[in-house]
Amino acid sequence: TLFLRLVVVVVVVVVVWLMKKMKLDGGVEEEDEGGCC
């Protein structure tokens, strides 16, 4: 259903955001100027 697809999209966005947040908090700066995706 459309609702299920929406949930999947939200989960993916949250996971990516958390990964970026953890990367920033960890201070691991690996030339991320390219901007993935």
Protein backbone atom coordinates (compact mmCIF):
# COMPACT_ATOMS: atom_id res chain seq x y z
CA THR A 1 0.00 0.00 0.00
CA LEU A 2 0.98 3.65 -0.33
CA PHE A 3 1.17 3.97 3.47
CA LEU A 4 3.72 1.15 3.69
CA ARG A 5 5.85 2.79 1.01
CA LEU A 6 5.71 6.08 2.91
CA VAL A 7 6.87 4.34 6.10
CA VAL A 8 9.81 2.78 4.25
CA VAL A 9 10.86 6.17 2.86
CA VAL A 10 10.66 7.77 6.30
CA VAL A 11 12.73 4.98 7.87
CA VAL A 12 15.42 5.30 5.19
CA VAL A 13 15.60 9.07 5.66
CA VAL A 14 15.88 8.70 9.45
CA VAL A 15 18.62 6.07 9.16
CA VAL A 16 20.64 8.21 6.74
CA TRP A 17 20.18 11.25 8.99
CA LEU A 18 21.30 9.28 12.05
CA MET A 19 24.38 8.01 10.21
CA LYS A 20 25.32 11.56 9.20
CA LYS A 21 24.69 12.79 12.75
CA MET A 22 26.86 10.04 14.25
CA LYS A 23 29.58 10.75 11.69
CA LEU A 24 29.56 14.43 12.66
CA ASP A 25 29.51 13.68 16.39
CA GLY A 26 32.37 11.21 15.98
CA GLY A 27 34.42 13.89 14.28
CA VAL A 28 35.37 11.52 11.46
CA GLU A 29 35.97 13.93 8.63
CA GLU A 30 36.73 11.91 5.51
CA GLU A 31 36.62 14.34 2.57
CA ASP A 32 32.84 14.22 2.42
CA GLU A 33 32.69 17.23 0.11
CA GLY A 34 31.34 15.09 -2.73
CA GLY A 35 28.00 14.64 -1.00
CA CYS A 36 26.83 11.05 -1.46
CA CYS A 37 23.69 10.51 -3.55
